[in-house]
Amino acid sequence: VGLEPRTVAQALLDRPGCSAEWVVIKCGPDGAMLFQRDGDEVRMGSPVVEVGDTVGCGDSAAAAIVLGYLNIMKRKRKAKVAAAAAAMEVEMRAGSVEEVDDAAAAGAAGVLPPEELRALLEETLALATAVGAATATGTGAGRNVATAAKVRELLDGCAASGGGQESCGYGVSAEAAVRAKALLDATLTRRSERAAM
């Protein structure tokens, strides 16, 4: 019996004690779907690859989702700092208490503008589906690990095709692929810099 991804995600989000902001449902070669607690959803296709072995694809994609989540949390922390700075600026200009409260409330919870959050979620799913697809190109458990080079190749293919079906499957955003590659590259650069210390 097949269940609709939205139904599964909502059941998870509705569980007593669940504090998750969103749930990701992987859909194999069809990509992934992300469902937010507020009802919004993001869909992303998967790059088309010749499948060698699917062992580890979900785990690889999950690692990319965690990376995207950490990136989003970093952006939310920056929003909090910016809101606090804005509130202090308003207060220093002898603004009213209401102005200070409004400025502080805007980012106090680390809330990102909806369009920025959506772009970050799309970027996360684009990276996750590319990492999962890159993993599928290998064969043999333990040897079919996604390489950064293969992930970049898949994301470049999606960006170059404008999200076209030939290399990207259905629904892969070229813009999200470009941002996903930038996230991957920035993360690998930071890792290299830390290793060199």
N, C-alpha and C. Protein backbone atom coordinates (compact mmCIF):
# COMPACT_ATOMS: atom_id res chain seq x y z
N VAL A 1 0.85 -1.18 0.00
CA VAL A 1 0.00 0.00 0.00
C VAL A 1 0.89 1.23 0.00
N GLY A 2 0.73 2.09 -0.99
CA GLY A 2 1.51 3.31 -1.06
C GLY A 2 0.83 4.43 -0.31
N LEU A 3 1.61 5.17 0.42
CA LEU A 3 1.09 6.31 1.14
C LEU A 3 1.56 7.59 0.45
N GLU A 4 0.73 8.59 0.49
CA GLU A 4 1.10 9.88 -0.05
C GLU A 4 2.14 10.52 0.87
N PRO A 5 3.23 11.07 0.30
CA PRO A 5 4.26 11.70 1.14
C PRO A 5 3.70 12.77 2.08
N ARG A 6 2.76 13.58 1.61
CA ARG A 6 2.18 14.62 2.46
C ARG A 6 1.49 14.02 3.68
N THR A 7 0.80 12.89 3.49
CA THR A 7 0.10 12.23 4.60
C THR A 7 1.10 11.71 5.63
N VAL A 8 2.18 11.11 5.15
CA VAL A 8 3.22 10.59 6.05
C VAL A 8 3.87 11.73 6.82
N ALA A 9 4.23 12.80 6.11
CA ALA A 9 4.88 13.94 6.76
C ALA A 9 3.97 14.56 7.81
N GLN A 10 2.70 14.75 7.48
CA GLN A 10 1.79 15.35 8.44
C GLN A 10 1.62 14.47 9.67
N ALA A 11 1.56 13.15 9.47
CA ALA A 11 1.44 12.24 10.61
C ALA A 11 2.67 12.36 11.52
N LEU A 12 3.84 12.50 10.93
CA LEU A 12 5.06 12.67 11.74
C LEU A 12 5.04 14.00 12.49
N LEU A 13 4.69 15.07 11.79
CA LEU A 13 4.66 16.39 12.43
C LEU A 13 3.60 16.49 13.52
N ASP A 14 2.51 15.70 13.38
CA ASP A 14 1.42 15.73 14.36
C ASP A 14 1.67 14.83 15.57
N ARG A 15 2.74 14.06 15.55
CA ARG A 15 3.00 13.17 16.69
C ARG A 15 3.19 13.98 17.96
N PRO A 16 2.65 13.50 19.07
CA PRO A 16 2.84 14.21 20.34
C PRO A 16 4.34 14.37 20.65
N GLY A 17 4.71 15.58 21.01
CA GLY A 17 6.09 15.85 21.37
C GLY A 17 7.01 16.16 20.20
N CYS A 18 6.51 16.06 18.97
CA CYS A 18 7.35 16.35 17.81
C CYS A 18 7.58 17.85 17.72
N SER A 19 8.85 18.25 17.71
CA SER A 19 9.17 19.67 17.60
C SER A 19 9.87 19.99 16.27
N ALA A 20 9.86 19.03 15.36
CA ALA A 20 10.50 19.24 14.06
C ALA A 20 9.85 20.40 13.32
N GLU A 21 10.68 21.19 12.65
CA GLU A 21 10.17 22.29 11.83
C GLU A 21 9.72 21.78 10.47
N TRP A 22 10.36 20.70 10.01
CA TRP A 22 10.03 20.14 8.72
C TRP A 22 10.42 18.67 8.65
N VAL A 23 9.83 17.99 7.67
CA VAL A 23 10.07 16.57 7.43
C VAL A 23 10.43 16.41 5.96
N VAL A 24 11.44 15.60 5.69
CA VAL A 24 11.84 15.31 4.31
C VAL A 24 11.46 13.87 3.99
N ILE A 25 10.82 13.69 2.86
CA ILE A 25 10.47 12.36 2.36
C ILE A 25 11.27 12.15 1.07
N LYS A 26 12.16 11.16 1.07
CA LYS A 26 12.92 10.82 -0.14
C LYS A 26 12.03 9.98 -1.03
N CYS A 27 12.08 10.26 -2.31
CA CYS A 27 11.24 9.55 -3.29
C CYS A 27 12.09 8.85 -4.34
N GLY A 28 13.27 8.37 -3.95
CA GLY A 28 14.15 7.65 -4.87
C GLY A 28 14.51 8.49 -6.08
N PRO A 29 14.41 7.91 -7.27
CA PRO A 29 14.79 8.63 -8.48
C PRO A 29 13.87 9.82 -8.80
N ASP A 30 12.75 9.91 -8.10
CA ASP A 30 11.83 11.03 -8.31
C ASP A 30 12.20 12.24 -7.47
N GLY A 31 13.26 12.14 -6.66
CA GLY A 31 13.72 13.28 -5.88
C GLY A 31 13.30 13.21 -4.43
N ALA A 32 12.89 14.36 -3.90
CA ALA A 32 12.54 14.46 -2.49
C ALA A 32 11.51 15.56 -2.30
N MET A 33 10.80 15.46 -1.20
CA MET A 33 9.80 16.47 -0.84
C MET A 33 10.04 16.87 0.60
N LEU A 34 9.91 18.15 0.86
CA LEU A 34 10.08 18.67 2.21
C LEU A 34 8.77 19.33 2.61
N PHE A 35 8.27 18.96 3.76
CA PHE A 35 7.01 19.48 4.27
C PHE A 35 7.28 20.26 5.54
N GLN A 36 6.87 21.53 5.55
CA GLN A 36 7.06 22.37 6.71
C GLN A 36 5.84 22.29 7.63
N ARG A 37 6.08 22.54 8.89
CA ARG A 37 5.00 22.50 9.88
C ARG A 37 3.86 23.45 9.50
N ASP A 38 4.18 24.58 8.87
CA ASP A 38 3.15 25.56 8.51
C ASP A 38 2.35 25.17 7.27
N GLY A 39 2.66 24.01 6.67
CA GLY A 39 1.90 23.53 5.53
C GLY A 39 2.58 23.75 4.19
N ASP A 40 3.59 24.61 4.16
CA ASP A 40 4.32 24.81 2.90
C ASP A 40 5.12 23.56 2.57
N GLU A 41 5.35 23.35 1.28
CA GLU A 41 6.15 22.21 0.86
C GLU A 41 7.08 22.60 -0.27
N VAL A 42 8.18 21.88 -0.36
CA VAL A 42 9.18 22.10 -1.40
C VAL A 42 9.44 20.74 -2.04
N ARG A 43 9.42 20.72 -3.36
CA ARG A 43 9.71 19.49 -4.12
C ARG A 43 10.95 19.71 -4.95
N MET A 44 11.76 18.67 -5.09
CA MET A 44 12.95 18.75 -5.93
C MET A 44 13.13 17.41 -6.60
N GLY A 45 13.34 17.45 -7.91
CA GLY A 45 13.62 16.23 -8.64
C GLY A 45 15.02 15.74 -8.35
N SER A 46 15.43 14.72 -9.06
CA SER A 46 16.76 14.15 -8.87
C SER A 46 17.48 14.10 -10.21
N PRO A 47 18.79 14.37 -10.21
CA PRO A 47 19.53 14.22 -11.46
C PRO A 47 19.40 12.79 -11.99
N VAL A 48 19.35 12.64 -13.30
CA VAL A 48 19.24 11.33 -13.91
C VAL A 48 20.64 10.72 -14.01
N VAL A 49 20.79 9.50 -13.50
CA VAL A 49 22.08 8.80 -13.54
C VAL A 49 21.86 7.35 -13.94
N GLU A 50 22.93 6.73 -14.38
CA GLU A 50 22.92 5.28 -14.60
C GLU A 50 23.16 4.65 -13.23
N VAL A 51 22.18 3.92 -12.74
CA VAL A 51 22.25 3.37 -11.38
C VAL A 51 23.09 2.10 -11.35
N GLY A 52 24.08 2.12 -10.46
CA GLY A 52 24.90 0.94 -10.23
C GLY A 52 24.42 0.19 -9.00
N ASP A 53 24.21 0.92 -7.90
CA ASP A 53 23.81 0.32 -6.63
C ASP A 53 23.19 1.42 -5.78
N THR A 54 22.05 1.15 -5.19
CA THR A 54 21.37 2.17 -4.39
C THR A 54 21.69 2.09 -2.90
N VAL A 55 22.55 1.14 -2.50
CA VAL A 55 22.92 1.04 -1.09
C VAL A 55 23.61 2.33 -0.66
N GLY A 56 23.11 2.94 0.38
CA GLY A 56 23.71 4.14 0.92
C GLY A 56 23.19 5.45 0.35
N CYS A 57 22.35 5.38 -0.67
CA CYS A 57 21.85 6.62 -1.29
C CYS A 57 21.06 7.47 -0.29
N GLY A 58 20.18 6.84 0.46
CA GLY A 58 19.38 7.58 1.44
C GLY A 58 20.23 8.18 2.54
N ASP A 59 21.24 7.41 3.00
CA ASP A 59 22.14 7.92 4.03
C ASP A 59 22.93 9.11 3.52
N SER A 60 23.41 9.02 2.28
CA SER A 60 24.16 10.12 1.69
C SER A 60 23.29 11.36 1.56
N ALA A 61 22.07 11.17 1.10
CA ALA A 61 21.14 12.29 0.96
C ALA A 61 20.83 12.89 2.33
N ALA A 62 20.68 12.04 3.34
CA ALA A 62 20.39 12.54 4.70
C ALA A 62 21.54 13.41 5.22
N ALA A 63 22.77 13.03 4.91
CA ALA A 63 23.91 13.85 5.34
C ALA A 63 23.85 15.23 4.70
N ALA A 64 23.47 15.30 3.44
CA ALA A 64 23.34 16.59 2.76
C ALA A 64 22.20 17.41 3.35
N ILE A 65 21.14 16.74 3.75
CA ILE A 65 20.01 17.43 4.39
C ILE A 65 20.46 18.03 5.73
N VAL A 66 21.25 17.29 6.48
CA VAL A 66 21.78 17.81 7.75
C VAL A 66 22.65 19.04 7.48
N LEU A 67 23.50 18.97 6.46
CA LEU A 67 24.33 20.12 6.10
C LEU A 67 23.45 21.33 5.77
N GLY A 68 22.41 21.12 4.99
CA GLY A 68 21.48 22.21 4.66
C GLY A 68 20.79 22.76 5.90
N TYR A 69 20.39 21.88 6.80
CA TYR A 69 19.74 22.30 8.04
C TYR A 69 20.69 23.18 8.86
N LEU A 70 21.94 22.75 8.98
CA LEU A 70 22.92 23.54 9.73
C LEU A 70 23.15 24.91 9.07
N ASN A 71 23.15 24.95 7.76
CA ASN A 71 23.29 26.21 7.04
C ASN A 71 22.10 27.13 7.34
N ILE A 72 20.90 26.57 7.35
CA ILE A 72 19.70 27.36 7.66
C ILE A 72 19.76 27.88 9.09
N MET A 73 20.19 27.04 10.02
CA MET A 73 20.29 27.47 11.42
C MET A 73 21.31 28.60 11.56
N LYS A 74 22.41 28.53 10.81
CA LYS A 74 23.41 29.60 10.84
C LYS A 74 22.79 30.90 10.34
N ARG A 75 22.01 30.83 9.28
CA ARG A 75 21.35 32.03 8.76
C ARG A 75 20.36 32.60 9.78
N LYS A 76 19.66 31.71 10.48
CA LYS A 76 18.72 32.18 11.50
C LYS A 76 19.44 32.88 12.64
N ARG A 77 20.59 32.34 13.05
CA ARG A 77 21.38 32.99 14.10
C ARG A 77 21.83 34.38 13.65
N LYS A 78 22.24 34.50 12.39
CA LYS A 78 22.63 35.80 11.86
C LYS A 78 21.45 36.77 11.86
N ALA A 79 20.25 36.27 11.58
CA ALA A 79 19.06 37.12 11.61
C ALA A 79 18.81 37.63 13.02
N LYS A 80 19.04 36.79 14.03
CA LYS A 80 18.87 37.22 15.42
C LYS A 80 19.84 38.34 15.77
N VAL A 81 21.10 38.17 15.38
CA VAL A 81 22.11 39.18 15.66
C VAL A 81 21.76 40.48 14.95
N ALA A 82 21.35 40.38 13.70
CA ALA A 82 20.98 41.58 12.94
C ALA A 82 19.79 42.28 13.58
N ALA A 83 18.83 41.53 14.08
CA ALA A 83 17.66 42.13 14.72
C ALA A 83 18.05 42.84 16.00
N ALA A 84 18.94 42.23 16.76
CA ALA A 84 19.40 42.87 17.99
C ALA A 84 20.14 44.16 17.68
N ALA A 85 20.98 44.13 16.65
CA ALA A 85 21.72 45.33 16.26
C ALA A 85 20.76 46.42 15.78
N ALA A 86 19.75 46.04 15.02
CA ALA A 86 18.76 47.01 14.53
C ALA A 86 18.00 47.62 15.70
N ALA A 87 17.65 46.81 16.67
CA ALA A 87 16.93 47.31 17.84
C ALA A 87 17.79 48.30 18.62
N MET A 88 19.07 47.99 18.75
CA MET A 88 19.97 48.91 19.46
C MET A 88 20.12 50.22 18.68
N GLU A 89 20.18 50.14 17.36
CA GLU A 89 20.30 51.33 16.51
C GLU A 89 19.07 52.21 16.67
N VAL A 90 17.91 51.61 16.65
CA VAL A 90 16.66 52.38 16.80
C VAL A 90 16.64 53.03 18.17
N GLU A 91 17.05 52.29 19.18
CA GLU A 91 17.05 52.83 20.54
C GLU A 91 18.03 53.99 20.66
N MET A 92 19.21 53.85 20.03
CA MET A 92 20.22 54.91 20.10
C MET A 92 19.75 56.17 19.38
N ARG A 93 18.88 56.02 18.39
CA ARG A 93 18.34 57.18 17.69
C ARG A 93 17.15 57.76 18.43
N ALA A 94 17.00 57.32 19.68
CA ALA A 94 15.91 57.80 20.54
C ALA A 94 14.55 57.44 19.97
N GLY A 95 14.48 56.26 19.41
CA GLY A 95 13.21 55.79 18.89
C GLY A 95 12.27 55.44 20.02
N SER A 96 11.04 55.26 19.68
CA SER A 96 10.06 54.92 20.69
C SER A 96 10.23 53.47 21.12
N VAL A 97 9.65 53.13 22.23
CA VAL A 97 9.70 51.76 22.73
C VAL A 97 9.07 50.81 21.72
N GLU A 98 8.00 51.26 21.05
CA GLU A 98 7.34 50.41 20.06
C GLU A 98 8.28 50.11 18.89
N GLU A 99 9.05 51.13 18.44
CA GLU A 99 9.99 50.89 17.35
C GLU A 99 11.05 49.88 17.75
N VAL A 100 11.55 50.00 18.97
CA VAL A 100 12.56 49.06 19.47
C VAL A 100 11.97 47.66 19.52
N ASP A 101 10.77 47.54 20.05
CA ASP A 101 10.12 46.23 20.16
C ASP A 101 9.88 45.62 18.78
N ASP A 102 9.43 46.44 17.82
CA ASP A 102 9.18 45.94 16.47
C ASP A 102 10.46 45.44 15.81
N ALA A 103 11.53 46.20 15.93
CA ALA A 103 12.81 45.81 15.32
C ALA A 103 13.35 44.54 15.95
N ALA A 104 13.23 44.44 17.27
CA ALA A 104 13.74 43.26 17.97
C ALA A 104 12.90 42.03 17.63
N ALA A 105 11.59 42.22 17.54
CA ALA A 105 10.71 41.08 17.27
C ALA A 105 10.92 40.52 15.87
N ALA A 106 11.31 41.35 14.92
CA ALA A 106 11.46 40.92 13.53
C ALA A 106 12.41 39.75 13.40
N GLY A 107 13.49 39.74 14.13
CA GLY A 107 14.45 38.66 14.00
C GLY A 107 14.78 37.96 15.30
N ALA A 108 14.08 38.32 16.36
CA ALA A 108 14.41 37.74 17.66
C ALA A 108 14.31 36.22 17.65
N ALA A 109 13.37 35.70 16.90
CA ALA A 109 13.22 34.24 16.85
C ALA A 109 14.05 33.64 15.73
N GLY A 110 14.83 34.46 15.07
CA GLY A 110 15.63 33.96 13.96
C GLY A 110 14.79 33.58 12.77
N VAL A 111 13.72 34.31 12.56
CA VAL A 111 12.82 34.02 11.45
C VAL A 111 13.38 34.61 10.17
N LEU A 112 13.49 33.78 9.16
CA LEU A 112 13.95 34.24 7.86
C LEU A 112 12.75 34.62 7.00
N PRO A 113 12.93 35.57 6.10
CA PRO A 113 11.83 35.88 5.17
C PRO A 113 11.43 34.61 4.41
N PRO A 114 10.14 34.41 4.16
CA PRO A 114 9.68 33.18 3.51
C PRO A 114 10.41 32.84 2.21
N GLU A 115 10.70 33.84 1.38
CA GLU A 115 11.37 33.56 0.11
C GLU A 115 12.82 33.11 0.33
N GLU A 116 13.47 33.66 1.35
CA GLU A 116 14.85 33.23 1.66
C GLU A 116 14.85 31.80 2.20
N LEU A 117 13.91 31.51 3.11
CA LEU A 117 13.83 30.15 3.64
C LEU A 117 13.53 29.15 2.53
N ARG A 118 12.61 29.47 1.65
CA ARG A 118 12.26 28.56 0.55
C ARG A 118 13.50 28.30 -0.33
N ALA A 119 14.25 29.34 -0.64
CA ALA A 119 15.46 29.17 -1.46
C ALA A 119 16.47 28.26 -0.75
N LEU A 120 16.62 28.41 0.55
CA LEU A 120 17.55 27.56 1.30
C LEU A 120 17.07 26.11 1.34
N LEU A 121 15.76 25.93 1.46
CA LEU A 121 15.21 24.56 1.46
C LEU A 121 15.38 23.92 0.08
N GLU A 122 15.17 24.69 -0.98
CA GLU A 122 15.37 24.16 -2.33
C GLU A 122 16.84 23.78 -2.54
N GLU A 123 17.73 24.64 -2.09
CA GLU A 123 19.17 24.38 -2.18
C GLU A 123 19.53 23.08 -1.45
N THR A 124 18.95 22.91 -0.26
CA THR A 124 19.20 21.71 0.54
C THR A 124 18.74 20.46 -0.20
N LEU A 125 17.53 20.50 -0.75
CA LEU A 125 17.02 19.32 -1.47
C LEU A 125 17.80 19.07 -2.76
N ALA A 126 18.20 20.12 -3.45
CA ALA A 126 19.00 19.94 -4.68
C ALA A 126 20.31 19.24 -4.34
N LEU A 127 20.96 19.66 -3.26
CA LEU A 127 22.21 19.01 -2.86
C LEU A 127 21.94 17.57 -2.44
N ALA A 128 20.89 17.35 -1.67
CA ALA A 128 20.58 16.00 -1.19
C ALA A 128 20.29 15.05 -2.33
N THR A 129 19.51 15.48 -3.31
CA THR A 129 19.19 14.58 -4.42
C THR A 129 20.41 14.33 -5.29
N ALA A 130 21.28 15.34 -5.44
CA ALA A 130 22.51 15.14 -6.22
C ALA A 130 23.47 14.19 -5.50
N VAL A 131 23.58 14.32 -4.19
CA VAL A 131 24.46 13.42 -3.43
C VAL A 131 23.91 11.99 -3.48
N GLY A 132 22.60 11.84 -3.33
CA GLY A 132 22.00 10.52 -3.43
C GLY A 132 22.20 9.90 -4.80
N ALA A 133 22.01 10.71 -5.85
CA ALA A 133 22.19 10.22 -7.22
C ALA A 133 23.65 9.87 -7.48
N ALA A 134 24.58 10.69 -6.99
CA ALA A 134 26.01 10.40 -7.17
C ALA A 134 26.38 9.10 -6.48
N THR A 135 25.80 8.84 -5.32
CA THR A 135 26.06 7.59 -4.61
C THR A 135 25.58 6.40 -5.43
N ALA A 136 24.45 6.55 -6.10
CA ALA A 136 23.87 5.45 -6.88
C ALA A 136 24.71 5.06 -8.08
N THR A 137 25.64 5.92 -8.49
CA THR A 137 26.44 5.61 -9.68
C THR A 137 27.53 4.58 -9.41
N GLY A 138 27.86 4.36 -8.14
CA GLY A 138 28.88 3.37 -7.80
C GLY A 138 28.28 1.98 -7.67
N THR A 139 29.14 1.01 -7.47
CA THR A 139 28.66 -0.36 -7.25
C THR A 139 29.39 -0.97 -6.07
N GLY A 140 28.67 -1.77 -5.34
CA GLY A 140 29.25 -2.48 -4.21
C GLY A 140 29.18 -1.68 -2.93
N ALA A 141 28.56 -2.26 -1.93
CA ALA A 141 28.43 -1.60 -0.64
C ALA A 141 29.80 -1.16 -0.15
N GLY A 142 29.88 0.10 0.26
CA GLY A 142 31.14 0.64 0.75
C GLY A 142 31.97 1.29 -0.34
N ARG A 143 31.73 0.94 -1.59
CA ARG A 143 32.48 1.55 -2.69
C ARG A 143 31.63 2.55 -3.46
N ASN A 144 30.33 2.49 -3.28
CA ASN A 144 29.46 3.42 -4.01
C ASN A 144 29.20 4.67 -3.16
N VAL A 145 30.28 5.37 -2.88
CA VAL A 145 30.22 6.60 -2.09
C VAL A 145 30.28 7.79 -3.04
N ALA A 146 29.43 8.76 -2.81
CA ALA A 146 29.42 9.96 -3.65
C ALA A 146 30.74 10.71 -3.48
N THR A 147 31.32 11.12 -4.58
CA THR A 147 32.50 11.97 -4.52
C THR A 147 32.06 13.41 -4.77
N ALA A 148 32.83 14.34 -4.24
CA ALA A 148 32.51 15.75 -4.46
C ALA A 148 32.52 16.06 -5.96
N ALA A 149 33.46 15.46 -6.67
CA ALA A 149 33.56 15.70 -8.11
C ALA A 149 32.28 15.25 -8.83
N LYS A 150 31.76 14.09 -8.47
CA LYS A 150 30.55 13.59 -9.12
C LYS A 150 29.34 14.46 -8.77
N VAL A 151 29.25 14.88 -7.51
CA VAL A 151 28.14 15.73 -7.10
C VAL A 151 28.20 17.05 -7.86
N ARG A 152 29.40 17.63 -7.96
CA ARG A 152 29.56 18.88 -8.72
C ARG A 152 29.14 18.68 -10.18
N GLU A 153 29.56 17.56 -10.78
CA GLU A 153 29.22 17.26 -12.16
C GLU A 153 27.70 17.21 -12.35
N LEU A 154 27.01 16.56 -11.44
CA LEU A 154 25.55 16.46 -11.54
C LEU A 154 24.89 17.82 -11.37
N LEU A 155 25.37 18.60 -10.39
CA LEU A 155 24.79 19.92 -10.17
C LEU A 155 25.08 20.86 -11.35
N ASP A 156 26.29 20.76 -11.90
CA ASP A 156 26.63 21.55 -13.08
C ASP A 156 25.72 21.18 -14.24
N GLY A 157 25.45 19.89 -14.41
CA GLY A 157 24.55 19.45 -15.48
C GLY A 157 23.15 20.02 -15.31
N CYS A 158 22.67 20.06 -14.08
CA CYS A 158 21.35 20.63 -13.82
C CYS A 158 21.34 22.12 -14.10
N ALA A 159 22.40 22.81 -13.68
CA ALA A 159 22.47 24.26 -13.90
C ALA A 159 22.57 24.58 -15.39
N ALA A 160 23.39 23.81 -16.12
CA ALA A 160 23.60 24.06 -17.54
C ALA A 160 22.34 23.77 -18.36
N SER A 161 21.58 22.78 -17.93
CA SER A 161 20.38 22.43 -18.70
C SER A 161 19.19 23.27 -18.31
N GLY A 162 19.39 24.16 -17.35
CA GLY A 162 18.27 24.98 -16.90
C GLY A 162 17.22 24.15 -16.20
N GLY A 163 17.64 23.03 -15.62
CA GLY A 163 16.70 22.15 -14.95
C GLY A 163 15.98 21.24 -15.93
N GLY A 164 16.52 21.13 -17.14
CA GLY A 164 15.87 20.32 -18.17
C GLY A 164 15.85 18.84 -17.83
N GLN A 165 14.92 18.14 -18.39
CA GLN A 165 14.67 16.75 -18.07
C GLN A 165 15.83 15.82 -18.42
N GLU A 166 16.58 16.07 -19.46
CA GLU A 166 17.60 15.13 -19.91
C GLU A 166 18.60 14.77 -18.81
N SER A 167 19.15 15.78 -18.14
CA SER A 167 20.16 15.50 -17.13
C SER A 167 19.65 15.64 -15.72
N CYS A 168 18.50 16.27 -15.56
CA CYS A 168 18.06 16.60 -14.20
C CYS A 168 16.76 15.93 -13.78
N GLY A 169 16.18 15.11 -14.59
CA GLY A 169 14.91 14.54 -14.19
C GLY A 169 13.85 15.61 -14.16
N TYR A 170 12.79 15.37 -13.45
CA TYR A 170 11.69 16.33 -13.38
C TYR A 170 11.87 17.24 -12.17
N GLY A 171 11.71 18.52 -12.37
CA GLY A 171 11.60 19.44 -11.26
C GLY A 171 12.87 19.82 -10.54
N VAL A 172 14.03 19.72 -11.17
CA VAL A 172 15.25 20.20 -10.53
C VAL A 172 15.46 21.64 -10.96
N SER A 173 15.55 22.52 -10.01
CA SER A 173 15.74 23.93 -10.29
C SER A 173 17.20 24.23 -10.59
N ALA A 174 17.45 24.87 -11.73
CA ALA A 174 18.82 25.24 -12.09
C ALA A 174 19.40 26.19 -11.06
N GLU A 175 18.60 27.14 -10.59
CA GLU A 175 19.07 28.10 -9.58
C GLU A 175 19.43 27.39 -8.28
N ALA A 176 18.60 26.44 -7.87
CA ALA A 176 18.88 25.69 -6.64
C ALA A 176 20.14 24.85 -6.81
N ALA A 177 20.36 24.31 -8.01
CA ALA A 177 21.56 23.52 -8.26
C ALA A 177 22.82 24.39 -8.13
N VAL A 178 22.76 25.61 -8.63
CA VAL A 178 23.90 26.52 -8.51
C VAL A 178 24.17 26.83 -7.03
N ARG A 179 23.12 27.13 -6.28
CA ARG A 179 23.29 27.43 -4.85
C ARG A 179 23.77 26.20 -4.08
N ALA A 180 23.27 25.01 -4.45
CA ALA A 180 23.69 23.78 -3.78
C ALA A 180 25.18 23.54 -4.00
N LYS A 181 25.64 23.78 -5.21
CA LYS A 181 27.07 23.61 -5.50
C LYS A 181 27.89 24.60 -4.69
N ALA A 182 27.41 25.83 -4.56
CA ALA A 182 28.12 26.84 -3.76
C ALA A 182 28.18 26.41 -2.29
N LEU A 183 27.10 25.84 -1.78
CA LEU A 183 27.10 25.35 -0.39
C LEU A 183 28.11 24.22 -0.23
N LEU A 184 28.11 23.28 -1.17
CA LEU A 184 29.06 22.17 -1.14
C LEU A 184 30.49 22.70 -1.16
N ASP A 185 30.78 23.59 -2.09
CA ASP A 185 32.14 24.12 -2.22
C ASP A 185 32.57 24.90 -0.98
N ALA A 186 31.68 25.73 -0.44
CA ALA A 186 32.01 26.49 0.77
C ALA A 186 32.29 25.56 1.95
N THR A 187 31.50 24.51 2.06
CA THR A 187 31.69 23.55 3.14
C THR A 187 33.02 22.82 3.00
N LEU A 188 33.34 22.38 1.80
CA LEU A 188 34.61 21.68 1.58
C LEU A 188 35.80 22.61 1.78
N THR A 189 35.66 23.88 1.41
CA THR A 189 36.73 24.85 1.62
C THR A 189 36.97 25.05 3.11
N ARG A 190 35.89 25.22 3.88
CA ARG A 190 36.04 25.38 5.35
C ARG A 190 36.69 24.15 5.96
N ARG A 191 36.29 22.96 5.48
CA ARG A 191 36.88 21.73 6.01
C ARG A 191 38.38 21.68 5.71
N SER A 192 38.76 22.06 4.50
CA SER A 192 40.19 22.06 4.12
C SER A 192 40.96 23.07 4.96
N GLU A 193 40.38 24.23 5.19
CA GLU A 193 41.05 25.26 5.99
C GLU A 193 41.25 24.80 7.42
N ARG A 194 40.25 24.12 7.99
CA ARG A 194 40.38 23.60 9.36
C ARG A 194 41.43 22.51 9.42
N ALA A 195 41.48 21.67 8.41
CA ALA A 195 42.47 20.57 8.39
C ALA A 195 43.88 21.11 8.27
N ALA A 196 44.03 22.28 7.63
CA ALA A 196 45.36 22.86 7.44
C ALA A 196 45.86 23.57 8.71
N MET A 197 44.98 23.81 9.67
CA MET A 197 45.39 24.51 10.90
C MET A 197 46.26 23.66 11.78
